[in-house]
Amino acid sequence: MKKIIFTLLCSWALANAFSQGCSDAGFCTMGAMKPDQAYNKRLPVKLRTLELSQYFGHTHFNDKIWVTTLEANVSIGDKFIVQAKVPYLVADGHLGTFQGLSDISLSVTRNIISTDAFDVNFTLGTKLPSNNGDKPQIDGKSLPMYYQSSLGTYDLIFGGSIISRKWLVAAGYQQALNTNQNGFWWGEWHGKDSAFVRRYAQSNNLKRGKDIMARVERNFRFSRFNASIGLLPIWRVTRDVIQVPTNTFRNSVPGSTGLALSGIYTLSYNFNVRSGIRLLIGNRFIRRPVNPDGLSREFVSTVTYIYRF
């Protein structure tokens, strides 16, 4: 047992040293669309879980992002699962260290089809902002979205998946329903930090574009171990839009649409029927050139402890 835990921790450390990763606005880990889902037709699966995860991300601006998330999944009858996620974020970089409650995710997943060979599930969910996306400031100047604990928007999310013992195929859609109140604009900044902040995309009154995701994952399941390898393409199909403070009109942001493609790898170990641990690593192959929402990462890894009851 100790050797197994040591191996997982070493893998996580190596990931921190050498990997690149991915990030999104939340729907890739929601309900039917999340990676490394349990699947066993021969044994009863406990459909109530508490998960505590620690995420670390690194941006190409050398910002470091830590997110600690408490997640609960509760079954209602045989067909429904309610999921809630509450994250706490710490961002550290050239402009300082900032922290706060991040956006809360809520979803309901319904099993549509269940056979001996596969399941089909559908998820409807939302993200609720913890603030307006402009909470950390320096001397009244707004910070880039990379430092914000909240995206500042209410989001509509839905999607579905087909899952079997070996494969998971999922698709999802996410749309911000409002404009946030972030005020990051280059013209506010003067002095020693002005040249540095111009590396960040401007995000004054940002309205994120619409996202479509897909996930194709191959699972390798054993009695206690589970491993998976997959691809996660995310298309931003409409441009992000920001407000130009010196004008009355809003500008769409060139380079904010297109494909972000990542490889996703997981390794899980069940200590017993009630608890287990999971390591997730992401490797980015293609990224969008401009990210006003601050979601781009050069590296991510997540370690999760799972308790079933």
Protein backbone atom coordinates (compact mmCIF):
# COMPACT_ATOMS: atom_id res chain seq x y z
CA MET A 1 0.00 0.00 0.00
CA LYS A 2 2.76 2.46 0.93
CA LYS A 3 4.61 1.68 -2.30
CA ILE A 4 1.48 2.43 -4.31
CA ILE A 5 0.92 5.77 -2.60
CA PHE A 6 4.60 6.63 -3.01
CA THR A 7 4.41 5.80 -6.73
CA LEU A 8 1.37 8.06 -7.21
CA LEU A 9 3.03 10.93 -5.39
CA CYS A 10 6.23 10.51 -7.41
CA SER A 11 4.19 10.54 -10.61
CA TRP A 12 2.54 13.77 -9.51
CA ALA A 13 5.92 15.34 -8.73
CA LEU A 14 7.28 14.33 -12.14
CA ALA A 15 4.18 15.77 -13.76
CA ASN A 16 4.84 19.07 -12.02
CA ALA A 17 8.35 19.04 -13.39
CA PHE A 18 7.81 18.07 -17.03
CA SER A 19 4.19 18.24 -18.18
CA GLN A 20 2.07 20.81 -19.92
CA GLY A 21 -1.63 21.00 -19.39
CA CYS A 22 -5.05 22.33 -20.13
CA SER A 23 -7.88 24.21 -18.51
CA ASP A 24 -11.44 25.20 -19.30
CA ALA A 25 -14.33 27.12 -17.80
CA GLY A 26 -15.65 24.10 -15.92
CA PHE A 27 -17.74 21.81 -18.08
CA CYS A 28 -15.01 19.22 -18.78
CA THR A 29 -15.25 17.94 -15.18
CA MET A 30 -19.03 18.20 -14.81
CA GLY A 31 -21.39 15.24 -14.56
CA ALA A 32 -21.46 12.98 -17.60
CA MET A 33 -18.49 14.82 -19.14
CA LYS A 34 -15.91 14.26 -16.38
CA PRO A 35 -12.91 11.96 -16.99
CA ASP A 36 -12.16 8.58 -15.42
CA GLN A 37 -15.73 7.68 -14.48
CA ALA A 38 -16.46 4.47 -12.57
CA TYR A 39 -18.05 1.68 -14.59
CA ASN A 40 -18.72 -1.85 -13.34
CA LYS A 41 -21.86 -3.83 -14.23
CA ARG A 42 -20.95 -6.80 -12.06
CA LEU A 43 -20.59 -4.98 -8.74
CA PRO A 44 -22.93 -2.45 -7.11
CA VAL A 45 -21.43 1.03 -7.45
CA LYS A 46 -21.78 3.49 -4.59
CA LEU A 47 -23.23 6.57 -6.25
CA ARG A 48 -22.60 8.96 -3.35
CA THR A 49 -19.10 10.39 -3.16
CA LEU A 50 -17.15 13.18 -1.54
CA GLU A 51 -14.00 14.25 -3.37
CA LEU A 52 -11.23 16.55 -2.17
CA SER A 53 -8.84 17.63 -4.92
CA GLN A 54 -5.75 19.78 -5.18
CA TYR A 55 -5.03 21.40 -8.53
CA PHE A 56 -1.88 23.18 -9.63
CA GLY A 57 -1.53 25.16 -12.84
CA HIS A 58 1.24 27.23 -14.40
CA THR A 59 0.74 29.96 -17.02
CA HIS A 60 3.12 31.18 -19.73
CA PHE A 61 3.35 34.46 -17.77
CA ASN A 62 4.88 32.41 -14.92
CA ASP A 63 1.76 32.79 -12.77
CA LYS A 64 1.01 29.86 -10.47
CA ILE A 65 -2.57 28.79 -9.74
CA TRP A 66 -3.65 26.50 -6.88
CA VAL A 67 -7.26 25.38 -6.55
CA THR A 68 -8.60 23.26 -3.69
CA THR A 69 -12.05 21.82 -4.50
CA LEU A 70 -14.63 19.98 -2.42
CA GLU A 71 -17.02 18.00 -4.63
CA ALA A 72 -20.14 16.04 -3.67
CA ASN A 73 -22.07 13.60 -5.88
CA VAL A 74 -25.39 12.31 -4.52
CA SER A 75 -27.70 9.85 -6.28
CA ILE A 76 -31.46 10.41 -6.33
CA GLY A 77 -33.17 7.15 -7.14
CA ASP A 78 -31.65 4.96 -9.85
CA LYS A 79 -31.48 7.56 -12.61
CA PHE A 80 -30.31 10.91 -11.23
CA ILE A 81 -27.06 12.21 -9.73
CA VAL A 82 -26.66 15.73 -8.32
CA GLN A 83 -23.16 17.19 -8.34
CA ALA A 84 -21.88 20.27 -6.48
CA LYS A 85 -18.33 21.66 -6.57
CA VAL A 86 -16.96 24.41 -4.32
CA PRO A 87 -13.41 25.57 -5.20
CA TYR A 88 -11.01 27.93 -3.41
CA LEU A 89 -8.34 29.56 -5.61
CA VAL A 90 -4.92 31.06 -4.92
CA ALA A 91 -3.11 32.93 -7.74
CA ASP A 92 0.52 34.00 -7.39
CA GLY A 93 2.58 35.95 -9.92
CA HIS A 94 4.55 39.09 -10.76
CA LEU A 95 1.66 41.33 -9.67
CA GLY A 96 1.20 39.65 -6.27
CA THR A 97 -0.64 36.84 -4.50
CA PHE A 98 -4.44 36.81 -4.40
CA GLN A 99 -6.98 34.28 -3.18
CA GLY A 100 -10.68 33.74 -2.75
CA LEU A 101 -13.69 31.51 -3.24
CA SER A 102 -14.03 30.52 -6.90
CA ASP A 103 -17.15 29.78 -8.94
CA ILE A 104 -19.58 27.14 -7.65
CA SER A 105 -20.68 24.40 -10.06
CA LEU A 106 -24.06 22.66 -9.84
CA SER A 107 -25.40 19.96 -12.14
CA VAL A 108 -27.92 17.16 -12.49
CA THR A 109 -27.09 14.03 -14.51
CA ARG A 110 -29.72 11.58 -15.72
CA ASN A 111 -29.10 8.08 -16.99
CA ILE A 112 -30.94 7.78 -20.34
CA ILE A 113 -29.98 4.25 -21.41
CA SER A 114 -28.45 1.45 -19.36
CA THR A 115 -27.53 -1.91 -20.92
CA ASP A 116 -25.04 -4.66 -20.09
CA ALA A 117 -22.60 -3.14 -22.58
CA PHE A 118 -22.89 0.65 -22.10
CA ASP A 119 -24.63 3.61 -20.44
CA VAL A 120 -25.85 6.88 -21.95
CA ASN A 121 -26.03 9.88 -19.60
CA PHE A 122 -27.09 13.53 -19.97
CA THR A 123 -26.07 16.48 -17.77
CA LEU A 124 -27.62 19.92 -17.27
CA GLY A 125 -25.69 22.35 -15.11
CA THR A 126 -24.61 25.87 -14.27
CA LYS A 127 -21.75 27.83 -12.77
CA LEU A 128 -22.48 30.54 -10.22
CA PRO A 129 -19.99 33.43 -9.81
CA SER A 130 -18.48 34.06 -6.39
CA ASN A 131 -17.88 37.71 -7.33
CA ASN A 132 -18.08 39.99 -10.38
CA GLY A 133 -14.67 39.01 -11.80
CA ASP A 134 -12.95 42.19 -10.57
CA LYS A 135 -12.34 41.56 -6.90
CA PRO A 136 -8.50 41.65 -6.69
CA GLN A 137 -7.19 45.12 -7.56
CA ILE A 138 -3.97 47.08 -6.98
CA ASP A 139 -4.40 50.73 -6.00
CA GLY A 140 -7.79 50.75 -7.69
CA LYS A 141 -6.46 49.23 -10.90
CA SER A 142 -8.10 46.05 -12.13
CA LEU A 143 -6.05 42.87 -12.47
CA PRO A 144 -6.02 40.50 -15.48
CA MET A 145 -8.41 37.56 -15.41
CA TYR A 146 -5.47 35.24 -14.66
CA TYR A 147 -5.49 36.65 -11.10
CA GLN A 148 -9.26 36.61 -10.61
CA SER A 149 -10.84 33.91 -8.44
CA SER A 150 -14.13 34.18 -10.37
CA LEU A 151 -15.04 34.41 -14.04
CA GLY A 152 -17.84 36.74 -12.95
CA THR A 153 -20.56 35.12 -15.06
CA TYR A 154 -23.55 32.83 -14.76
CA ASP A 155 -23.02 29.95 -17.19
CA LEU A 156 -25.34 27.49 -18.91
CA ILE A 157 -23.82 24.02 -19.37
CA PHE A 158 -25.16 20.81 -20.87
CA GLY A 159 -23.78 17.67 -22.46
CA GLY A 160 -23.82 13.90 -22.52
CA SER A 161 -21.69 10.79 -22.72
CA ILE A 162 -21.61 7.15 -23.77
CA ILE A 163 -19.54 5.03 -21.40
CA SER A 164 -18.52 1.37 -21.55
CA ARG A 165 -15.87 -0.68 -19.78
CA LYS A 166 -13.21 0.45 -22.26
CA TRP A 167 -14.42 3.74 -23.73
CA LEU A 168 -15.88 7.11 -22.77
CA VAL A 169 -17.13 9.45 -25.50
CA ALA A 170 -18.59 12.77 -24.35
CA ALA A 171 -19.63 16.16 -25.73
CA GLY A 172 -20.69 19.37 -24.03
CA TYR A 173 -21.64 23.03 -24.48
CA GLN A 174 -20.98 26.04 -22.25
CA GLN A 175 -22.19 29.62 -22.61
CA ALA A 176 -21.72 32.66 -20.39
CA LEU A 177 -25.09 34.33 -19.87
CA ASN A 178 -23.82 37.76 -18.87
CA THR A 179 -20.88 40.16 -19.08
CA ASN A 180 -18.54 40.29 -16.11
CA GLN A 181 -17.36 43.51 -14.46
CA ASN A 182 -13.63 42.99 -14.82
CA GLY A 183 -11.92 46.32 -15.59
CA PHE A 184 -8.45 45.28 -16.77
CA TRP A 185 -7.33 47.79 -19.40
CA TRP A 186 -3.75 48.70 -20.33
CA GLY A 187 -4.44 52.44 -20.14
CA GLU A 188 -4.88 52.20 -16.34
CA TRP A 189 -1.31 51.04 -15.79
CA HIS A 190 1.73 53.30 -15.63
CA GLY A 191 5.22 53.00 -14.24
CA LYS A 192 7.29 49.87 -13.68
CA ASP A 193 4.45 47.35 -14.20
CA SER A 194 2.99 48.88 -17.37
CA ALA A 195 5.24 46.97 -19.80
CA PHE A 196 4.61 43.67 -18.02
CA VAL A 197 0.81 43.93 -17.88
CA ARG A 198 0.65 44.51 -21.64
CA ARG A 199 1.55 40.85 -22.04
CA TYR A 200 -1.93 39.97 -20.72
CA ALA A 201 -5.00 40.19 -22.96
CA GLN A 202 -7.30 43.08 -22.03
CA SER A 203 -10.59 41.97 -20.47
CA ASN A 204 -12.60 45.08 -19.59
CA ASN A 205 -16.29 44.02 -19.17
CA LEU A 206 -15.54 40.64 -20.74
CA LYS A 207 -18.20 38.47 -22.36
CA ARG A 208 -16.72 35.02 -22.98
CA GLY A 209 -17.45 33.25 -26.24
CA LYS A 210 -19.39 30.00 -26.53
CA ASP A 211 -17.50 26.72 -26.06
CA ILE A 212 -18.06 23.22 -27.43
CA MET A 213 -16.07 20.30 -26.07
CA ALA A 214 -15.56 16.64 -26.92
CA ARG A 215 -13.83 13.88 -24.99
CA VAL A 216 -12.61 10.51 -26.26
CA GLU A 217 -11.08 8.36 -23.54
CA ARG A 218 -9.73 4.79 -23.49
CA ASN A 219 -9.89 3.13 -20.07
CA PHE A 220 -7.84 0.25 -18.71
CA ARG A 221 -9.68 -1.17 -15.72
CA PHE A 222 -8.35 -3.64 -13.14
CA SER A 223 -9.54 -4.75 -9.72
CA ARG A 224 -7.96 -1.82 -7.87
CA PHE A 225 -6.23 0.22 -10.57
CA ASN A 226 -7.75 2.25 -13.37
CA ALA A 227 -5.82 4.16 -16.01
CA SER A 228 -7.03 6.21 -18.95
CA ILE A 229 -5.65 8.11 -21.90
CA GLY A 230 -7.71 10.49 -23.99
CA LEU A 231 -8.08 13.57 -26.16
CA LEU A 232 -9.96 16.70 -25.12
CA PRO A 233 -10.66 19.21 -27.90
CA ILE A 234 -12.43 22.47 -26.93
CA TRP A 235 -13.64 24.84 -29.62
CA ARG A 236 -14.44 28.47 -28.81
CA VAL A 237 -16.92 29.06 -31.59
CA THR A 238 -17.59 32.77 -31.01
CA ARG A 239 -15.13 35.52 -30.13
CA ASP A 240 -14.71 36.98 -26.67
CA VAL A 241 -16.02 40.56 -26.52
CA ILE A 242 -14.66 43.43 -24.41
CA GLN A 243 -15.59 47.07 -23.79
CA VAL A 244 -13.34 49.84 -25.11
CA PRO A 245 -13.36 52.47 -22.31
CA THR A 246 -12.69 55.34 -24.73
CA ASN A 247 -15.63 54.40 -26.97
CA THR A 248 -19.27 53.47 -26.57
CA PHE A 249 -18.96 50.29 -28.66
CA ARG A 250 -17.68 46.83 -27.76
CA ASN A 251 -14.85 45.00 -29.55
CA SER A 252 -14.59 41.32 -30.40
CA VAL A 253 -11.11 39.99 -29.62
CA PRO A 254 -9.15 38.58 -32.59
CA GLY A 255 -7.50 35.24 -31.85
CA SER A 256 -9.92 34.30 -29.06
CA THR A 257 -11.74 31.65 -31.13
CA GLY A 258 -10.56 28.28 -32.39
CA LEU A 259 -9.37 24.93 -31.13
CA ALA A 260 -7.57 24.06 -27.91
CA LEU A 261 -6.52 20.41 -27.98
CA SER A 262 -5.13 18.49 -25.01
CA GLY A 263 -4.17 15.00 -24.04
CA ILE A 264 -5.61 13.88 -20.69
CA TYR A 265 -4.12 11.04 -18.65
CA THR A 266 -5.39 9.58 -15.36
CA LEU A 267 -4.21 6.96 -12.90
CA SER A 268 -6.49 5.81 -10.06
CA TYR A 269 -6.11 3.38 -7.19
CA ASN A 270 -8.87 2.12 -4.88
CA PHE A 271 -7.70 1.47 -1.34
CA ASN A 272 -10.98 -0.38 -0.69
CA VAL A 273 -14.62 -0.19 -1.74
CA ARG A 274 -15.04 3.17 0.04
CA SER A 275 -11.95 5.21 -0.82
CA GLY A 276 -9.40 5.84 -3.51
CA ILE A 277 -6.98 8.33 -5.03
CA ARG A 278 -6.70 9.75 -8.57
CA LEU A 279 -3.94 11.57 -10.44
CA LEU A 280 -4.83 13.59 -13.54
CA ILE A 281 -2.30 15.15 -15.92
CA GLY A 282 -2.99 17.30 -18.97
CA ASN A 283 -0.75 17.88 -21.98
CA ARG A 284 -1.63 20.73 -24.34
CA PHE A 285 -1.06 20.13 -28.05
CA ILE A 286 -2.84 23.16 -29.54
CA ARG A 287 -3.87 26.40 -27.81
CA ARG A 288 -5.68 29.54 -28.83
CA PRO A 289 -3.38 32.57 -29.32
CA VAL A 290 -5.37 34.97 -27.09
CA ASN A 291 -7.15 34.19 -23.80
CA PRO A 292 -8.82 37.25 -22.22
CA ASP A 293 -10.62 34.94 -19.74
CA GLY A 294 -7.30 33.91 -18.15
CA LEU A 295 -8.00 30.19 -18.49
CA SER A 296 -4.91 29.24 -20.49
CA ARG A 297 -2.38 27.04 -18.67
CA GLU A 298 1.04 25.74 -19.66
CA PHE A 299 0.70 22.92 -17.16
CA VAL A 300 -1.94 21.34 -14.92
CA SER A 301 -2.11 18.40 -12.55
CA THR A 302 -4.74 17.35 -10.03
CA VAL A 303 -4.59 14.87 -7.16
CA THR A 304 -7.99 13.78 -5.79
CA TYR A 305 -9.00 11.76 -2.73
CA ILE A 306 -12.37 10.02 -3.18
CA TYR A 307 -14.63 8.78 -0.40
CA ARG A 308 -17.72 6.70 -1.30
CA PHE A 309 -20.67 6.22 1.04
